[in-house]
Amino acid sequence: MPVTGADKSYLIIFTFIKPKNYQMNKPVKSILLIAGLILLGYGIYTLIAPEASISIGGMSLQAQDNINSYVTIGLGLMALTISLLGGRKT
């Protein structure tokens, strides 16, 4: 099966992105770990804290939009996963 031009460019890009003996640098792992923990903590905080609250007399209403919280938590988990699994050799 011949390799087409698109397949060659995909192979070239893939080799530059992740070589076979790739070992993630320790500072990069540390930065990803810290960023992941910060994003995860901030996402959980924004998930719990109400965005807007109104209190009229004895009644109190709170409104929340959690879409941004879910995205932040997902990015934090992704950064943690990359930092923990990124440097392992297969």
C-alpha atoms as a PDB file:
ATOM      1  CA  MET A   1       0.000   0.000   0.000  1.00  0.00           C
ATOM      2  CA  PRO A   2       1.656   3.268  -1.087  1.00  0.00           C
ATOM      3  CA  VAL A   3       1.950   6.163   1.338  1.00  0.00           C
ATOM      4  CA  THR A   4       0.244   9.314   0.060  1.00  0.00           C
ATOM      5  CA  GLY A   5       1.338  12.891   0.674  1.00  0.00           C
ATOM      6  CA  ALA A   6      -1.202  13.412   3.460  1.00  0.00           C
ATOM      7  CA  ASP A   7      -0.001  10.266   5.227  1.00  0.00           C
ATOM      8  CA  LYS A   8       3.620  11.419   4.972  1.00  0.00           C
ATOM      9  CA  SER A   9       2.834  14.801   6.503  1.00  0.00           C
ATOM     10  CA  TYR A  10       0.899  13.111   9.325  1.00  0.00           C
ATOM     11  CA  LEU A  11       3.863  10.825  10.029  1.00  0.00           C
ATOM     12  CA  ILE A  12       6.308  13.738   9.993  1.00  0.00           C
ATOM     13  CA  ILE A  13       4.146  15.811  12.363  1.00  0.00           C
ATOM     14  CA  PHE A  14       3.614  12.837  14.683  1.00  0.00           C
ATOM     15  CA  THR A  15       7.370  12.151  14.871  1.00  0.00           C
ATOM     16  CA  PHE A  16       8.072  15.755  15.833  1.00  0.00           C
ATOM     17  CA  ILE A  17       5.347  15.761  18.461  1.00  0.00           C
ATOM     18  CA  LYS A  18       6.259  12.531  20.263  1.00  0.00           C
ATOM     19  CA  PRO A  19       9.543  10.817  19.471  1.00  0.00           C
ATOM     20  CA  LYS A  20      10.008   7.214  20.568  1.00  0.00           C
ATOM     21  CA  ASN A  21      12.350   7.943  23.493  1.00  0.00           C
ATOM     22  CA  TYR A  22      10.453  10.963  24.733  1.00  0.00           C
ATOM     23  CA  GLN A  23      11.024  11.850  28.397  1.00  0.00           C
ATOM     24  CA  MET A  24       9.162  14.869  29.778  1.00  0.00           C
ATOM     25  CA  ASN A  25      11.378  17.404  31.541  1.00  0.00           C
ATOM     26  CA  LYS A  26      11.001  17.625  35.303  1.00  0.00           C
ATOM     27  CA  PRO A  27      10.166  21.379  35.306  1.00  0.00           C
ATOM     28  CA  VAL A  28       7.434  20.835  32.714  1.00  0.00           C
ATOM     29  CA  LYS A  29       5.940  18.049  34.815  1.00  0.00           C
ATOM     30  CA  SER A  30       6.050  20.251  37.914  1.00  0.00           C
ATOM     31  CA  ILE A  31       4.409  23.188  36.131  1.00  0.00           C
ATOM     32  CA  LEU A  32       1.653  20.949  34.740  1.00  0.00           C
ATOM     33  CA  LEU A  33       1.094  19.408  38.171  1.00  0.00           C
ATOM     34  CA  ILE A  34       0.811  22.797  39.893  1.00  0.00           C
ATOM     35  CA  ALA A  35      -1.391  24.229  37.118  1.00  0.00           C
ATOM     36  CA  GLY A  36      -3.618  21.148  37.264  1.00  0.00           C
ATOM     37  CA  LEU A  37      -4.059  21.444  41.029  1.00  0.00           C
ATOM     38  CA  ILE A  38      -4.831  25.168  40.774  1.00  0.00           C
ATOM     39  CA  LEU A  39      -7.354  24.634  37.955  1.00  0.00           C
ATOM     40  CA  LEU A  40      -8.983  21.749  39.790  1.00  0.00           C
ATOM     41  CA  GLY A  41      -9.276  23.737  43.027  1.00  0.00           C
ATOM     42  CA  TYR A  42     -10.613  26.823  41.268  1.00  0.00           C
ATOM     43  CA  GLY A  43     -13.131  24.746  39.303  1.00  0.00           C
ATOM     44  CA  ILE A  44     -14.450  23.100  42.454  1.00  0.00           C
ATOM     45  CA  TYR A  45     -14.620  26.490  44.193  1.00  0.00           C
ATOM     46  CA  THR A  46     -16.629  28.039  41.337  1.00  0.00           C
ATOM     47  CA  LEU A  47     -18.861  24.969  41.272  1.00  0.00           C
ATOM     48  CA  ILE A  48     -19.742  25.397  44.949  1.00  0.00           C
ATOM     49  CA  ALA A  49     -19.843  29.215  45.273  1.00  0.00           C
ATOM     50  CA  PRO A  50     -23.031  30.850  43.940  1.00  0.00           C
ATOM     51  CA  GLU A  51     -22.628  33.385  41.144  1.00  0.00           C
ATOM     52  CA  ALA A  52     -25.542  35.614  42.060  1.00  0.00           C
ATOM     53  CA  SER A  53     -27.812  35.783  45.059  1.00  0.00           C
ATOM     54  CA  ILE A  54     -30.827  37.945  45.758  1.00  0.00           C
ATOM     55  CA  SER A  55     -32.450  38.319  49.123  1.00  0.00           C
ATOM     56  CA  ILE A  56     -35.886  39.890  49.380  1.00  0.00           C
ATOM     57  CA  GLY A  57     -37.243  39.968  52.899  1.00  0.00           C
ATOM     58  CA  GLY A  58     -37.052  36.431  54.265  1.00  0.00           C
ATOM     59  CA  MET A  59     -36.628  34.842  50.826  1.00  0.00           C
ATOM     60  CA  SER A  60     -33.241  34.190  49.257  1.00  0.00           C
ATOM     61  CA  LEU A  61     -32.578  33.126  45.646  1.00  0.00           C
ATOM     62  CA  GLN A  62     -29.284  31.883  44.234  1.00  0.00           C
ATOM     63  CA  ALA A  63     -28.362  31.340  40.586  1.00  0.00           C
ATOM     64  CA  GLN A  64     -25.475  29.343  39.198  1.00  0.00           C
ATOM     65  CA  ASP A  65     -24.106  28.468  35.763  1.00  0.00           C
ATOM     66  CA  ASN A  66     -21.717  25.541  36.149  1.00  0.00           C
ATOM     67  CA  ILE A  67     -20.550  25.101  32.546  1.00  0.00           C
ATOM     68  CA  ASN A  68     -17.342  27.078  33.110  1.00  0.00           C
ATOM     69  CA  SER A  69     -16.709  25.136  36.316  1.00  0.00           C
ATOM     70  CA  TYR A  70     -16.936  21.816  34.479  1.00  0.00           C
ATOM     71  CA  VAL A  71     -14.529  23.017  31.793  1.00  0.00           C
ATOM     72  CA  THR A  72     -12.043  24.251  34.414  1.00  0.00           C
ATOM     73  CA  ILE A  73     -12.237  20.964  36.331  1.00  0.00           C
ATOM     74  CA  GLY A  74     -11.753  19.021  33.088  1.00  0.00           C
ATOM     75  CA  LEU A  75      -8.685  21.080  32.144  1.00  0.00           C
ATOM     76  CA  GLY A  76      -7.266  20.578  35.635  1.00  0.00           C
ATOM     77  CA  LEU A  77      -7.760  16.812  35.447  1.00  0.00           C
ATOM     78  CA  MET A  78      -6.200  16.742  31.978  1.00  0.00           C
ATOM     79  CA  ALA A  79      -3.137  18.683  33.176  1.00  0.00           C
ATOM     80  CA  LEU A  80      -2.775  16.362  36.184  1.00  0.00           C
ATOM     81  CA  THR A  81      -3.052  13.275  33.986  1.00  0.00           C
ATOM     82  CA  ILE A  82      -0.466  14.577  31.521  1.00  0.00           C
ATOM     83  CA  SER A  83       1.932  15.506  34.314  1.00  0.00           C
ATOM     84  CA  LEU A  84       1.617  12.122  36.014  1.00  0.00           C
ATOM     85  CA  LEU A  85       1.633   9.925  32.906  1.00  0.00           C
ATOM     86  CA  GLY A  86       3.632  12.111  30.484  1.00  0.00           C
ATOM     87  CA  GLY A  87       7.097  11.052  31.577  1.00  0.00           C
ATOM     88  CA  ARG A  88       6.590   7.295  31.683  1.00  0.00           C
ATOM     89  CA  LYS A  89       8.342   5.129  29.142  1.00  0.00           C
ATOM     90  CA  THR A  90       6.279   2.541  27.329  1.00  0.00           C
END
